[in-house]
Amino acid sequence: METLVYLIPISLFLGGLGLVAFFWALRSRQFEDPDGDSQRFLSTDWDDHPKP
């Protein structure tokens, strides 16, 4: 029972850290074009100047 005193705050902290990382990824537009990324990955054409 004593270990729950330590494990519960640690798990809440790690969950909050994951949530902050997820919102940071959303704000920095990491998930903007997943379909285009999958098509570019499968393409055999090489682009020297990727899209910004």
PDB file of N, CA and C in Angstrom:
ATOM      1  N   MET A   1       0.814  -1.189   0.000  1.00  0.00           N
ATOM      2  CA  MET A   1       0.000   0.000   0.000  1.00  0.00           C
ATOM      3  C   MET A   1       0.865   1.264   0.000  1.00  0.00           C
ATOM      4  N   GLU A   2       2.031   1.168   0.602  1.00  0.00           N
ATOM      5  CA  GLU A   2       2.916   2.334   0.643  1.00  0.00           C
ATOM      6  C   GLU A   2       3.437   2.699  -0.745  1.00  0.00           C
ATOM      7  N   THR A   3       3.582   1.709  -1.608  1.00  0.00           N
ATOM      8  CA  THR A   3       4.117   1.996  -2.941  1.00  0.00           C
ATOM      9  C   THR A   3       3.129   2.793  -3.787  1.00  0.00           C
ATOM     10  N   LEU A   4       1.834   2.679  -3.485  1.00  0.00           N
ATOM     11  CA  LEU A   4       0.849   3.455  -4.231  1.00  0.00           C
ATOM     12  C   LEU A   4       1.026   4.951  -4.006  1.00  0.00           C
ATOM     13  N   VAL A   5       1.544   5.318  -2.852  1.00  0.00           N
ATOM     14  CA  VAL A   5       1.794   6.728  -2.559  1.00  0.00           C
ATOM     15  C   VAL A   5       2.803   7.297  -3.546  1.00  0.00           C
ATOM     16  N   TYR A   6       3.732   6.469  -4.002  1.00  0.00           N
ATOM     17  CA  TYR A   6       4.740   6.909  -4.964  1.00  0.00           C
ATOM     18  C   TYR A   6       4.301   6.679  -6.410  1.00  0.00           C
ATOM     19  N   LEU A   7       3.648   5.566  -6.669  1.00  0.00           N
ATOM     20  CA  LEU A   7       3.311   5.201  -8.037  1.00  0.00           C
ATOM     21  C   LEU A   7       2.211   6.070  -8.644  1.00  0.00           C
ATOM     22  N   ILE A   8       1.236   6.450  -7.856  1.00  0.00           N
ATOM     23  CA  ILE A   8       0.134   7.253  -8.394  1.00  0.00           C
ATOM     24  C   ILE A   8       0.620   8.640  -8.843  1.00  0.00           C
ATOM     25  N   PRO A   9       1.378   9.381  -8.041  1.00  0.00           N
ATOM     26  CA  PRO A   9       1.873  10.673  -8.550  1.00  0.00           C
ATOM     27  C   PRO A   9       2.821  10.533  -9.734  1.00  0.00           C
ATOM     28  N   ILE A  10       3.644   9.502  -9.736  1.00  0.00           N
ATOM     29  CA  ILE A  10       4.558   9.289 -10.863  1.00  0.00           C
ATOM     30  C   ILE A  10       3.766   9.013 -12.133  1.00  0.00           C
ATOM     31  N   SER A  11       2.735   8.178 -12.039  1.00  0.00           N
ATOM     32  CA  SER A  11       1.941   7.863 -13.226  1.00  0.00           C
ATOM     33  C   SER A  11       1.157   9.081 -13.702  1.00  0.00           C
ATOM     34  N   LEU A  12       0.649   9.896 -12.783  1.00  0.00           N
ATOM     35  CA  LEU A  12      -0.047  11.121 -13.182  1.00  0.00           C
ATOM     36  C   LEU A  12       0.908  12.102 -13.843  1.00  0.00           C
ATOM     37  N   PHE A  13       2.129  12.197 -13.329  1.00  0.00           N
ATOM     38  CA  PHE A  13       3.126  13.080 -13.926  1.00  0.00           C
ATOM     39  C   PHE A  13       3.491  12.621 -15.333  1.00  0.00           C
ATOM     40  N   LEU A  14       3.718  11.325 -15.515  1.00  0.00           N
ATOM     41  CA  LEU A  14       4.073  10.805 -16.835  1.00  0.00           C
ATOM     42  C   LEU A  14       2.913  10.943 -17.829  1.00  0.00           C
ATOM     43  N   GLY A  15       1.692  10.738 -17.359  1.00  0.00           N
ATOM     44  CA  GLY A  15       0.531  10.938 -18.223  1.00  0.00           C
ATOM     45  C   GLY A  15       0.388  12.384 -18.643  1.00  0.00           C
ATOM     46  N   GLY A  16       0.594  13.312 -17.705  1.00  0.00           N
ATOM     47  CA  GLY A  16       0.555  14.730 -18.030  1.00  0.00           C
ATOM     48  C   GLY A  16       1.667  15.126 -18.984  1.00  0.00           C
ATOM     49  N   LEU A  17       2.840  14.533 -18.804  1.00  0.00           N
ATOM     50  CA  LEU A  17       3.954  14.801 -19.701  1.00  0.00           C
ATOM     51  C   LEU A  17       3.641  14.327 -21.122  1.00  0.00           C
ATOM     52  N   GLY A  18       3.013  13.165 -21.238  1.00  0.00           N
ATOM     53  CA  GLY A  18       2.600  12.670 -22.555  1.00  0.00           C
ATOM     54  C   GLY A  18       1.540  13.562 -23.181  1.00  0.00           C
ATOM     55  N   LEU A  19       0.626  14.055 -22.377  1.00  0.00           N
ATOM     56  CA  LEU A  19      -0.413  14.957 -22.882  1.00  0.00           C
ATOM     57  C   LEU A  19       0.183  16.277 -23.369  1.00  0.00           C
ATOM     58  N   VAL A  20       1.142  16.807 -22.624  1.00  0.00           N
ATOM     59  CA  VAL A  20       1.816  18.035 -23.041  1.00  0.00           C
ATOM     60  C   VAL A  20       2.578  17.805 -24.342  1.00  0.00           C
ATOM     61  N   ALA A  21       3.241  16.663 -24.468  1.00  0.00           N
ATOM     62  CA  ALA A  21       3.973  16.356 -25.699  1.00  0.00           C
ATOM     63  C   ALA A  21       3.013  16.227 -26.887  1.00  0.00           C
ATOM     64  N   PHE A  22       1.852  15.636 -26.654  1.00  0.00           N
ATOM     65  CA  PHE A  22       0.865  15.506 -27.726  1.00  0.00           C
ATOM     66  C   PHE A  22       0.360  16.868 -28.182  1.00  0.00           C
ATOM     67  N   PHE A  23       0.043  17.759 -27.225  1.00  0.00           N
ATOM     68  CA  PHE A  23      -0.436  19.088 -27.602  1.00  0.00           C
ATOM     69  C   PHE A  23       0.670  19.908 -28.262  1.00  0.00           C
ATOM     70  N   TRP A  24       1.911  19.713 -27.847  1.00  0.00           N
ATOM     71  CA  TRP A  24       3.021  20.393 -28.505  1.00  0.00           C
ATOM     72  C   TRP A  24       3.126  19.939 -29.965  1.00  0.00           C
ATOM     73  N   ALA A  25       2.955  18.635 -30.203  1.00  0.00           N
ATOM     74  CA  ALA A  25       3.016  18.119 -31.569  1.00  0.00           C
ATOM     75  C   ALA A  25       1.861  18.665 -32.407  1.00  0.00           C
ATOM     76  N   LEU A  26       0.694  18.820 -31.812  1.00  0.00           N
ATOM     77  CA  LEU A  26      -0.432  19.403 -32.544  1.00  0.00           C
ATOM     78  C   LEU A  26      -0.158  20.862 -32.896  1.00  0.00           C
ATOM     79  N   ARG A  27       0.370  21.623 -31.952  1.00  0.00           N
ATOM     80  CA  ARG A  27       0.623  23.047 -32.203  1.00  0.00           C
ATOM     81  C   ARG A  27       1.748  23.261 -33.198  1.00  0.00           C
ATOM     82  N   SER A  28       2.705  22.347 -33.260  1.00  0.00           N
ATOM     83  CA  SER A  28       3.806  22.510 -34.213  1.00  0.00           C
ATOM     84  C   SER A  28       3.495  21.844 -35.547  1.00  0.00           C
ATOM     85  N   ARG A  29       2.234  21.463 -35.743  1.00  0.00           N
ATOM     86  CA  ARG A  29       1.701  20.955 -37.020  1.00  0.00           C
ATOM     87  C   ARG A  29       2.407  19.682 -37.487  1.00  0.00           C
ATOM     88  N   GLN A  30       2.645  18.759 -36.569  1.00  0.00           N
ATOM     89  CA  GLN A  30       3.293  17.499 -36.904  1.00  0.00           C
ATOM     90  C   GLN A  30       2.354  16.555 -37.657  1.00  0.00           C
ATOM     91  N   PHE A  31       1.045  16.708 -37.468  1.00  0.00           N
ATOM     92  CA  PHE A  31       0.071  15.778 -38.044  1.00  0.00           C
ATOM     93  C   PHE A  31      -0.717  16.415 -39.178  1.00  0.00           C
ATOM     94  N   GLU A  32      -0.119  17.362 -39.890  1.00  0.00           N
ATOM     95  CA  GLU A  32      -0.875  18.140 -40.864  1.00  0.00           C
ATOM     96  C   GLU A  32      -1.269  17.347 -42.111  1.00  0.00           C
ATOM     97  N   ASP A  33      -0.361  16.535 -42.660  1.00  0.00           N
ATOM     98  CA  ASP A  33      -0.631  15.870 -43.937  1.00  0.00           C
ATOM     99  C   ASP A  33      -0.164  14.410 -43.900  1.00  0.00           C
ATOM    100  N   PRO A  34      -0.839  13.537 -43.153  1.00  0.00           N
ATOM    101  CA  PRO A  34      -0.377  12.146 -43.080  1.00  0.00           C
ATOM    102  C   PRO A  34      -0.552  11.386 -44.402  1.00  0.00           C
ATOM    103  N   ASP A  35      -1.572  11.718 -45.197  1.00  0.00           N
ATOM    104  CA  ASP A  35      -1.761  11.019 -46.465  1.00  0.00           C
ATOM    105  C   ASP A  35      -0.668  11.384 -47.460  1.00  0.00           C
ATOM    106  N   GLY A  36      -0.312  12.638 -47.511  1.00  0.00           N
ATOM    107  CA  GLY A  36       0.762  13.060 -48.408  1.00  0.00           C
ATOM    108  C   GLY A  36       2.094  12.456 -48.018  1.00  0.00           C
ATOM    109  N   ASP A  37       2.352  12.345 -46.726  1.00  0.00           N
ATOM    110  CA  ASP A  37       3.598  11.734 -46.271  1.00  0.00           C
ATOM    111  C   ASP A  37       3.670  10.268 -46.681  1.00  0.00           C
ATOM    112  N   SER A  38       2.557   9.568 -46.596  1.00  0.00           N
ATOM    113  CA  SER A  38       2.575   8.149 -46.977  1.00  0.00           C
ATOM    114  C   SER A  38       2.797   7.990 -48.478  1.00  0.00           C
ATOM    115  N   GLN A  39       2.252   8.904 -49.267  1.00  0.00           N
ATOM    116  CA  GLN A  39       2.463   8.821 -50.714  1.00  0.00           C
ATOM    117  C   GLN A  39       3.902   9.179 -51.091  1.00  0.00           C
ATOM    118  N   ARG A  40       4.477  10.161 -50.424  1.00  0.00           N
ATOM    119  CA  ARG A  40       5.869  10.532 -50.700  1.00  0.00           C
ATOM    120  C   ARG A  40       6.823   9.421 -50.296  1.00  0.00           C
ATOM    121  N   PHE A  41       6.493   8.687 -49.252  1.00  0.00           N
ATOM    122  CA  PHE A  41       7.349   7.602 -48.789  1.00  0.00           C
ATOM    123  C   PHE A  41       7.402   6.479 -49.827  1.00  0.00           C
ATOM    124  N   LEU A  42       6.294   6.213 -50.489  1.00  0.00           N
ATOM    125  CA  LEU A  42       6.220   5.132 -51.464  1.00  0.00           C
ATOM    126  C   LEU A  42       6.673   5.557 -52.851  1.00  0.00           C
ATOM    127  N   SER A  43       6.831   6.840 -53.079  1.00  0.00           N
ATOM    128  CA  SER A  43       7.197   7.344 -54.395  1.00  0.00           C
ATOM    129  C   SER A  43       8.664   7.047 -54.712  1.00  0.00           C
ATOM    130  N   THR A  44       8.941   6.808 -55.995  1.00  0.00           N
ATOM    131  CA  THR A  44      10.317   6.572 -56.419  1.00  0.00           C
ATOM    132  C   THR A  44      10.985   7.853 -56.901  1.00  0.00           C
ATOM    133  N   ASP A  45      10.233   8.937 -56.987  1.00  0.00           N
ATOM    134  CA  ASP A  45      10.799  10.224 -57.401  1.00  0.00           C
ATOM    135  C   ASP A  45      11.548  10.853 -56.239  1.00  0.00           C
ATOM    136  N   TRP A  46      12.690  11.432 -56.539  1.00  0.00           N
ATOM    137  CA  TRP A  46      13.482  12.112 -55.511  1.00  0.00           C
ATOM    138  C   TRP A  46      13.275  13.609 -55.674  1.00  0.00           C
ATOM    139  N   ASP A  47      12.972  14.274 -54.581  1.00  0.00           N
ATOM    140  CA  ASP A  47      12.743  15.715 -54.595  1.00  0.00           C
ATOM    141  C   ASP A  47      13.893  16.391 -53.849  1.00  0.00           C
ATOM    142  N   ASP A  48      14.683  17.206 -54.576  1.00  0.00           N
ATOM    143  CA  ASP A  48      15.809  17.877 -53.946  1.00  0.00           C
ATOM    144  C   ASP A  48      15.366  19.041 -53.061  1.00  0.00           C
ATOM    145  N   HIS A  49      14.185  19.573 -53.315  1.00  0.00           N
ATOM    146  CA  HIS A  49      13.676  20.698 -52.537  1.00  0.00           C
ATOM    147  C   HIS A  49      12.320  20.320 -51.963  1.00  0.00           C
ATOM    148  N   PRO A  50      12.275  19.746 -50.747  1.00  0.00           N
ATOM    149  CA  PRO A  50      10.992  19.349 -50.166  1.00  0.00           C
ATOM    150  C   PRO A  50      10.125  20.559 -49.845  1.00  0.00           C
ATOM    151  N   LYS A  51       8.839  20.315 -49.732  1.00  0.00           N
ATOM    152  CA  LYS A  51       7.890  21.385 -49.433  1.00  0.00           C
ATOM    153  C   LYS A  51       8.114  21.865 -48.004  1.00  0.00           C
ATOM    154  N   PRO A  52       7.966  23.177 -47.767  1.00  0.00           N
ATOM    155  CA  PRO A  52       8.145  23.701 -46.386  1.00  0.00           C
ATOM    156  C   PRO A  52       6.966  23.383 -45.509  1.00  0.00           C
TER     157      PRO A  52
END
